[in-house]
Protein backbone atom coordinates (compact mmCIF):
# COMPACT_ATOMS: atom_id res chain seq x y z
CA MET A 1 134.36 -6.47 81.15
CA LEU A 2 132.46 -8.05 78.48
CA THR A 3 130.20 -10.46 78.85
CA SER A 4 130.28 -14.32 76.68
CA ASN A 5 127.45 -13.15 74.37
CA GLU A 6 129.41 -9.50 74.12
CA LEU A 7 132.87 -11.98 73.26
CA VAL A 8 130.55 -14.30 70.61
CA PHE A 9 129.71 -11.18 69.12
CA ARG A 10 132.92 -9.65 68.41
CA ASP A 11 134.38 -12.69 67.37
CA GLU A 12 131.24 -13.26 64.52
CA THR A 13 130.86 -9.84 63.79
CA ARG A 14 134.83 -8.93 63.24
CA ASN A 15 135.26 -11.37 60.68
CA THR A 16 132.15 -10.48 58.52
CA VAL A 17 133.29 -6.86 58.46
CA GLN A 18 136.83 -7.61 57.57
CA LYS A 19 135.09 -9.51 54.69
CA VAL A 20 132.85 -7.15 53.89
CA LEU A 21 135.29 -4.62 54.24
CA ALA A 22 138.10 -6.63 51.52
CA ARG A 23 135.13 -6.29 48.72
CA ARG A 24 135.01 -3.62 46.19
CA THR A 25 131.94 -1.22 46.83
CA ALA A 26 129.91 -1.19 43.86
CA SER A 27 129.45 2.19 42.31
CA TRP A 28 125.97 2.64 40.91
CA LEU A 29 127.05 5.66 38.87
CA PRO A 30 128.19 5.49 35.32
CA SER A 31 132.01 4.42 35.05
CA THR A 32 132.55 6.89 31.82
CA PRO A 33 130.68 10.25 32.61
CA GLN A 34 128.29 11.35 29.78
CA PHE A 35 129.96 14.83 30.97
CA SER A 36 133.26 16.07 32.33
CA PRO A 37 134.14 14.74 35.82
CA ASP A 38 133.56 18.81 37.06
CA THR A 39 130.68 19.34 34.86
CA SER A 40 128.63 15.86 36.31
CA SER A 41 129.74 16.48 39.68
CA ARG A 42 128.49 20.27 39.66
CA ASN A 43 125.28 18.74 38.66
CA ALA A 44 125.04 15.87 41.39
CA PHE A 45 126.05 18.39 43.96
CA LEU A 46 123.79 21.29 43.35
CA SER A 47 120.93 19.12 42.19
CA LEU A 48 121.25 16.10 44.79
CA TYR A 49 122.74 17.67 48.04
CA ILE A 50 121.96 21.40 47.95
CA ASP A 51 118.75 21.17 46.29
CA THR A 52 117.38 18.16 47.95
CA TYR A 53 118.92 17.05 50.74
CA SER A 54 120.65 19.76 52.41
CA ASN A 55 118.56 22.79 54.53
CA GLY A 56 121.98 24.81 55.29
CA PHE A 57 123.05 26.26 51.41
CA TYR A 58 119.62 27.47 50.43
CA THR A 59 121.51 31.04 49.00
CA LEU A 60 124.33 29.21 47.24
CA GLN A 61 122.31 29.44 43.75
CA SER A 62 121.52 32.90 44.18
CA LEU A 63 125.49 34.05 45.23
CA LEU A 64 126.71 31.40 42.49
CA THR A 65 124.49 33.29 39.72
CA ASP A 66 126.08 36.62 40.77
CA SER A 67 129.67 35.58 41.10
CA ALA A 68 132.46 35.78 38.61
CA PRO A 69 132.75 32.74 36.18
CA ASN A 70 135.98 31.82 37.13
CA GLY A 71 135.86 33.40 40.69
CA HIS A 72 136.76 31.70 43.73
CA LEU A 73 132.90 30.69 44.73
CA GLN A 74 132.77 28.83 41.48
CA VAL A 75 136.10 27.23 42.25
CA SER A 76 135.09 26.37 46.05
CA VAL A 77 132.25 24.82 44.28
CA ASP A 78 133.93 22.57 41.76
CA ALA A 79 135.92 21.22 44.89
CA VAL A 80 133.22 20.30 47.10
CA SER A 81 131.17 19.04 44.33
CA LEU A 82 134.16 16.52 42.93
CA ALA A 83 134.79 15.48 47.04
CA PHE A 84 130.73 14.83 47.23
CA MET A 85 131.03 12.59 44.19
CA ALA A 86 134.24 10.88 45.56
CA TYR A 87 133.58 10.54 49.13
CA GLN A 88 129.47 10.25 49.42
CA LEU A 89 128.69 8.87 46.10
CA ASN A 90 131.63 6.29 46.17
CA ARG A 91 133.76 7.60 42.18
CA GLN A 92 137.14 7.11 44.48
CA ASP A 93 138.69 7.99 41.05
CA LEU A 94 138.06 11.44 41.50
CA VAL A 95 139.90 12.36 44.88
CA PRO A 96 142.87 13.26 43.49
CA LEU A 97 140.80 15.43 41.12
CA ALA A 98 138.82 17.04 44.02
CA ASN A 99 142.23 17.65 46.38
CA GLN A 100 143.52 19.80 43.27
CA ARG A 101 140.42 21.42 42.80
CA TYR A 102 140.80 22.65 46.85
CA LEU A 103 144.03 23.57 46.71
CA ALA A 104 142.90 25.92 44.35
CA ALA A 105 140.36 27.39 46.09
CA ILE A 106 142.12 27.98 48.88
CA ARG A 107 144.87 29.83 47.03
CA SER A 108 141.74 31.98 44.87
CA LEU A 109 140.04 32.27 48.36
CA GLY A 110 143.34 33.92 49.87
CA ILE A 111 144.03 36.12 47.18
CA VAL A 112 140.94 37.72 47.51
CA MET A 113 140.80 37.97 51.28
CA ARG A 114 144.48 39.59 51.49
CA SER A 115 142.95 42.19 49.15
CA SER A 116 139.21 42.49 50.97
CA LEU A 117 141.02 43.50 54.26
CA GLN A 118 142.32 46.60 51.94
CA ALA A 119 138.30 47.22 51.26
CA ASN A 120 135.85 48.70 54.23
CA ASP A 121 133.04 50.32 51.93
CA ALA A 122 129.57 49.14 51.40
CA ALA A 123 130.40 47.84 48.23
CA ASN A 124 132.20 44.83 49.27
CA GLN A 125 128.72 43.59 50.74
CA SER A 126 128.56 41.21 48.07
CA LEU A 127 132.63 39.86 48.15
CA THR A 128 132.37 39.23 51.70
CA ASP A 129 129.01 37.12 51.57
CA GLU A 130 130.97 35.35 48.36
CA THR A 131 133.84 34.97 50.74
CA LEU A 132 131.85 33.69 53.53
CA GLN A 133 129.92 31.10 51.47
CA SER A 134 133.25 30.05 49.73
CA VAL A 135 135.02 29.57 53.36
CA LEU A 136 131.70 27.27 54.41
CA LEU A 137 132.23 25.37 51.27
CA LEU A 138 135.91 24.58 51.87
CA ASP A 139 134.72 23.43 55.26
CA LEU A 140 132.06 20.88 54.20
CA TYR A 141 134.61 19.46 51.84
CA GLU A 142 137.02 18.74 55.13
CA LYS A 143 134.29 17.14 56.39
CA MET A 144 133.06 15.36 54.05
CA ALA A 145 136.78 14.18 52.80
CA TYR A 146 137.04 12.67 56.64
CA GLN A 147 136.76 9.16 56.95
CA PRO A 148 136.95 8.04 60.64
CA HIS A 149 138.62 5.03 61.10
CA PRO A 150 140.56 3.63 64.05
CA GLU A 151 143.52 5.31 63.32
CA SER A 152 142.56 8.89 62.25
CA GLU A 153 142.94 11.85 64.25
CA PHE A 154 141.06 14.89 64.72
CA PRO A 155 141.80 17.53 61.44
CA GLY A 156 142.73 20.81 62.41
CA SER A 157 141.21 22.18 59.31
CA TRP A 158 138.20 21.28 60.33
CA LEU A 159 138.55 24.43 63.40
CA SER A 160 140.72 26.30 60.51
CA HIS A 161 138.17 27.48 58.05
CA VAL A 162 135.44 27.81 60.25
CA GLN A 163 137.27 29.85 62.76
CA GLY A 164 137.83 32.12 59.53
CA ALA A 165 133.95 32.19 59.04
CA LEU A 166 133.55 33.25 62.55
CA SER A 167 135.95 35.97 61.75
CA ILE A 168 134.34 37.29 58.84
CA VAL A 169 130.78 37.33 60.73
CA ARG A 170 132.02 39.07 63.53
CA SER A 171 133.78 41.99 61.69
CA ARG A 172 129.56 42.84 59.99
CA LEU A 173 127.05 44.34 61.54
CA THR A 174 124.71 42.33 63.33
CA ALA A 175 121.90 45.09 62.12
CA GLY A 176 123.15 43.00 58.84
CA PHE A 177 121.09 40.22 60.36
CA SER A 178 117.59 41.02 58.44
CA ASN A 179 119.71 40.16 55.14
CA PRO A 180 118.42 36.48 54.39
CA THR A 181 121.40 35.66 52.83
CA THR A 182 123.86 37.42 55.68
CA GLN A 183 121.47 35.30 58.10
CA GLN A 184 121.82 31.97 56.64
CA LEU A 185 125.52 32.39 56.24
CA ALA A 186 125.83 33.50 60.06
CA THR A 187 123.67 30.65 61.00
CA ARG A 188 125.70 28.01 59.06
CA THR A 189 128.82 29.28 60.86
CA VAL A 190 127.71 29.03 64.18
CA ILE A 191 126.31 25.03 63.24
CA ALA A 192 129.72 24.24 61.65
CA LEU A 193 131.75 25.77 64.03
CA THR A 194 129.60 24.06 66.98
CA LEU A 195 130.12 20.71 65.60
CA SER A 196 133.93 21.12 64.91
CA CYS A 197 134.51 22.42 68.60
CA GLY A 198 132.47 19.22 69.55
CA ALA A 199 134.86 16.91 67.96
CA ALA A 200 137.77 18.79 68.71
CA GLY A 201 136.64 18.26 72.91
CA ILE A 202 137.10 22.47 73.03
CA PRO A 203 135.33 24.55 74.65
CA ILE A 204 132.66 26.81 72.64
CA PRO A 205 134.34 30.43 71.98
CA GLU A 206 132.88 33.12 73.81
CA ALA A 207 132.65 34.60 70.05
CA LEU A 208 130.50 31.86 68.91
CA ILE A 209 128.29 32.23 72.06
CA GLY A 210 128.14 35.73 71.35
CA LEU A 211 126.87 35.46 67.61
CA TYR A 212 124.41 32.71 68.73
CA ASN A 213 123.01 35.35 70.85
CA ASP A 214 122.65 37.92 68.50
CA LEU A 215 120.92 35.68 65.87
CA ASP A 216 118.54 34.20 68.28
CA SER A 217 116.45 37.15 67.65
CA TYR A 218 115.94 35.98 64.28
CA VAL A 219 116.53 32.41 63.41
CA ARG A 220 113.64 30.16 65.17
CA GLY A 221 113.39 26.32 65.01
CA ALA A 222 113.64 22.93 66.39
CA LYS A 223 117.25 22.87 64.57
CA TRP A 224 118.47 26.15 66.53
CA THR A 225 117.23 25.13 69.75
CA PHE A 226 119.20 22.12 69.48
CA ILE A 227 122.50 24.22 68.80
CA GLY A 228 121.96 26.04 71.81
CA LEU A 229 121.98 23.04 73.46
CA LEU A 230 124.46 21.22 72.28
CA ILE A 231 126.33 24.37 72.93
CA SER A 232 125.60 23.64 76.52
CA LEU A 233 126.53 19.93 76.25
CA ILE A 234 129.97 21.08 74.60
CA ASN A 235 131.06 23.35 77.23
CA LEU A 236 130.02 21.03 80.11
CA ARG A 237 131.99 18.20 78.78
CA ALA A 238 134.70 20.60 78.19
CA ASP A 239 134.70 21.69 81.94
CA MET A 240 134.73 18.18 82.75
CA ASN A 241 137.84 17.49 80.77
CA ASN A 242 139.45 20.41 82.50
CA GLY A 243 138.48 19.28 85.73
CA LYS A 244 136.58 22.40 86.74
CA LEU A 245 133.57 20.58 88.44
CA ASP A 246 133.00 18.38 90.96
CA SER A 247 130.76 15.14 90.73
CA SER A 248 127.39 17.01 92.55
CA ASP A 249 127.98 20.16 89.80
CA ILE A 250 128.76 17.40 86.71
CA VAL A 251 125.24 15.77 87.48
CA GLN A 252 123.32 18.85 87.70
CA ARG A 253 123.99 20.05 85.03
CA ALA A 254 123.76 17.26 83.17
CA ARG A 255 120.21 16.32 84.73
CA ASP A 256 119.10 20.64 84.12
CA LEU A 257 120.28 20.07 80.38
CA TYR A 258 117.99 16.84 80.37
CA GLU A 259 115.08 18.98 81.44
CA GLU A 260 115.59 21.52 78.37
CA LEU A 261 116.07 18.39 75.69
CA SER A 262 112.97 16.96 76.99
CA HIS A 263 111.13 20.50 76.85
CA ALA A 264 112.62 21.41 73.67
CA GLU A 265 111.96 17.94 72.25
CA GLY A 266 108.55 18.41 72.97
CA LYS A 267 107.98 21.01 70.74
CA ILE A 268 109.09 19.68 67.50
CA PRO A 269 106.14 20.37 65.16
CA ARG A 270 103.46 17.06 65.59
CA SER A 271 103.57 17.15 61.71
CA TRP A 272 107.11 16.03 62.08
CA TRP A 273 106.40 12.78 63.83
CA PRO A 274 106.66 9.55 62.34
CA GLN A 275 104.04 6.47 61.54
CA ARG A 276 104.87 3.04 63.08
CA ARG A 277 104.65 0.17 60.73
CA ASP A 278 104.63 -3.52 62.55
CA THR A 279 106.46 -6.00 60.57
CA SER A 280 108.47 -9.48 60.55
CA GLU A 281 111.34 -8.61 58.64
CA ALA A 282 114.19 -10.13 59.93
CA VAL A 283 116.28 -6.47 59.02
CA VAL A 284 114.13 -4.57 61.25
CA PHE A 285 115.09 -4.91 65.09
CA GLY A 286 112.28 -5.08 67.50
CA ARG A 287 109.32 -5.92 64.77
CA TYR A 288 108.50 -2.10 63.83
CA TYR A 289 109.82 0.45 62.27
CA ASP A 290 108.79 4.34 61.98
CA VAL A 291 108.44 6.19 58.60
CA TYR A 292 109.01 9.93 59.25
CA PRO A 293 107.68 12.82 56.81
CA GLY A 294 111.13 13.39 55.37
CA HIS A 295 115.04 12.79 56.12
CA TYR A 296 115.02 16.24 57.65
CA ALA A 297 112.48 15.42 60.02
CA THR A 298 114.66 12.18 61.20
CA GLN A 299 117.82 14.18 61.61
CA VAL A 300 116.08 16.61 64.14
CA PHE A 301 114.56 13.80 65.92
CA ASN A 302 117.91 11.70 66.04
CA ALA A 303 119.64 14.67 66.81
CA TYR A 304 118.21 15.06 69.73
CA ARG A 305 118.36 11.39 70.72
CA ILE A 306 121.93 11.74 69.92
CA MET A 307 122.33 14.34 72.86
CA ARG A 308 120.25 12.50 75.37
CA LEU A 309 122.05 9.26 74.99
CA ASP A 310 125.37 11.36 75.71
CA VAL A 311 123.75 13.24 78.82
CA CYS A 312 122.31 10.26 80.33
CA SER A 313 125.36 8.65 79.79
CA ILE A 314 126.79 11.58 82.02
CA ILE A 315 124.55 11.48 84.80
CA GLN A 316 124.95 7.03 84.40
CA LYS A 317 128.65 7.32 85.17
CA PHE A 318 128.45 9.90 87.82
CA ASP A 319 125.69 8.69 89.99
CA PRO A 320 125.35 4.65 88.93
CA SER A 321 122.10 4.92 91.10
CA SER A 322 120.19 7.02 88.90
CA GLU A 323 117.98 5.32 87.18
CA VAL A 324 118.45 6.46 83.32
CA SER A 325 119.25 2.77 81.94
CA GLU A 326 115.54 3.00 80.95
CA THR A 327 115.91 6.47 78.72
CA ILE A 328 119.03 4.79 77.32
CA THR A 329 116.74 1.96 75.97
CA GLU A 330 114.26 3.81 74.36
CA VAL A 331 115.97 6.23 72.43
CA ALA A 332 118.62 3.54 71.17
CA GLN A 333 115.50 1.87 70.22
CA ALA A 334 114.19 4.77 68.47
CA ILE A 335 117.19 5.37 66.66
CA CYS A 336 117.67 1.73 65.30
CA ALA A 337 112.93 1.86 64.27
CA ALA A 338 114.24 4.81 61.81
CA VAL A 339 116.70 3.23 60.04
CA PRO A 340 114.65 0.72 57.66
CA GLN A 341 112.28 3.18 55.94
CA PHE A 342 115.49 4.19 53.84
CA ILE A 343 116.65 0.22 53.20
CA LEU A 344 113.71 -1.80 52.60
CA PRO A 345 112.26 -1.40 49.37
CA HIS A 346 108.80 -1.29 50.14
CA ALA A 347 109.14 1.10 53.16
CA ARG A 348 108.80 4.09 50.64
CA SER A 349 107.74 4.14 46.92
CA GLN A 350 111.04 5.80 46.47
CA ASN A 351 113.21 3.50 47.85
CA THR A 352 115.23 0.98 45.50
CA LEU A 353 117.91 -1.79 45.31
CA PRO A 354 120.87 -1.47 44.93
CA PHE A 355 120.56 2.15 46.87
CA SER A 356 119.30 5.46 45.27
CA PRO A 357 122.00 8.39 45.13
CA LEU A 358 119.29 10.27 47.67
CA GLN A 359 119.07 6.50 49.48
CA ILE A 360 123.26 6.82 49.87
CA LEU A 361 122.73 10.58 51.24
CA GLU A 362 119.84 9.20 53.77
CA CYS A 363 121.58 6.42 54.73
CA SER A 364 124.61 8.41 55.45
CA GLY A 365 122.34 10.46 57.90
CA VAL A 366 121.77 7.70 60.53
CA LEU A 367 125.33 6.23 60.67
CA THR A 368 126.33 8.54 63.47
CA PRO A 369 122.54 8.07 65.81
CA LEU A 370 123.55 4.14 64.62
CA TYR A 371 127.28 4.52 66.17
CA ALA A 372 125.57 6.47 69.71
CA ALA A 373 123.38 3.65 70.23
CA SER A 374 125.78 0.91 69.42
CA GLN A 375 127.90 3.04 71.95
CA ASN A 376 125.51 3.17 74.76
CA THR A 377 123.10 0.27 74.67
CA GLN A 378 123.97 -2.61 76.36
CA ASP A 379 121.70 -5.40 74.81
CA PRO A 380 124.43 -7.28 72.66
CA VAL A 381 121.36 -8.11 70.24
CA MET A 382 120.82 -4.60 69.69
CA ARG A 383 124.49 -4.13 68.67
CA ALA A 384 125.00 -7.20 66.43
CA TRP A 385 121.71 -5.66 64.83
CA ILE A 386 123.83 -2.26 64.24
CA LEU A 387 126.52 -4.19 62.67
CA ARG A 388 124.81 -6.03 60.89
CA THR A 389 122.98 -2.94 59.12
CA LEU A 390 126.00 -1.44 58.78
CA VAL A 391 127.47 -3.95 56.78
CA TYR A 392 124.34 -4.04 54.90
CA MET A 393 124.81 -0.68 53.86
CA ALA A 394 128.03 -1.24 52.70
CA ASP A 395 127.20 -3.70 50.59
CA ASN A 396 124.95 -1.70 48.78
CA GLY A 397 127.01 1.45 48.05
CA ILE A 398 126.95 2.98 51.87
CA LYS A 399 130.77 3.33 51.70
CA LEU A 400 130.93 5.61 55.30
CA ALA A 401 128.98 2.59 56.68
CA GLN A 402 132.15 0.80 56.44
CA SER A 403 134.63 3.40 58.19
CA VAL A 404 131.81 3.44 60.88
CA ALA A 405 131.72 -0.26 61.17
CA GLN A 406 135.46 -0.44 61.83
CA VAL A 407 134.85 2.10 64.66
CA VAL A 408 131.85 0.22 66.31
CA MET A 409 134.26 -2.86 66.04
CA PHE A 410 138.05 -1.51 66.98
CA LEU A 411 137.27 2.08 68.73
CA PRO A 412 133.91 1.65 70.40
CA GLU A 413 134.55 4.86 72.72
CA LEU A 414 135.37 7.54 69.95
CA ASP A 415 133.37 10.30 69.90
CA ASN A 416 129.94 10.76 68.18
CA TYR A 417 131.24 14.03 66.69
CA ASN A 418 133.91 12.19 64.86
CA THR A 419 131.92 9.52 63.29
CA LYS A 420 130.65 12.36 60.93
CA LEU A 421 128.25 13.24 59.25
CA ILE A 422 126.92 16.76 57.76
């Protein structure tokens, strides 16, 4: 049952959110691009998302250089570039064109894949790399285009593309993982399908676990370790949903997973850890905030925090006497402390108002952690701060913050996986 404070909070913030959602979100990009929509979108996607923000597509540029000018990879890049501009950078006028390019990419890719099934020689290796990259780009398109809201359902295409990618990877020899391009594409396949399985609430396929194990001797790092732990958590959730475990087994597996999480998080390089800054700014929760070396380090720490919150919620549900509430509070506070670095004008030299395109991406990257903190905290003051922060982001060009604010208000039990983000 909601407390009186929480009822007041919901009543006040509901009106605030509705006003913001009724407002027209400003676009910080020129209304009339100097170049064609395809060209300007491609330039923005490749320079901002691929080269600056993302760590998952570093082989794309070399594959593009060697690909046919009008081939499926080029068309797939056009589609996801338009989706990037439309959904990430608020160019809603580009949605119809993005959809057209997406359908064209699917048709082009389908032709190539059918012909590829008839070719098994080594000369087809580069084509297979291009094909796999195109499939992963179309998966990215789907996830960019998905807008979480109370009526939204899990999109089946989130599984179809990455399941196809898994089939392509598994059809090749594991010795190929010594090749950096093949390794990166296979790694991206593992990450994308793991997240999709989590969103769908289904167990991780044995083929995906096998691929993770095959790659484990090639891939290292905090993010890769995290994916292995996420696989364990998703399978635990699936076993719980299927009634395969009693409460004692659930608690034991959750506690074991929590210990593994703590151990892995402790191995994150010290150079990634944040610097704390005290402040009296009203937009900061708890009178302090943390500044990380970059958005990637922030994402890694927050990914571990989201999982810790999920594991703690499992323990708390099946063992109410356990003392995990303090951990939940600490983790939620750490998530809140990671946000102001991206929105305060003076927190970093590159911060601006209105937000720059890179800030829009960086803020989008903290939406899922903020939702997880709101979902798990028992502090109505923190919940109110999170919603105000989402409203502030929405007011300053973060369109996705509108969707997450709706979810926080109207569907607080939605899985973290479904609140996005890539």
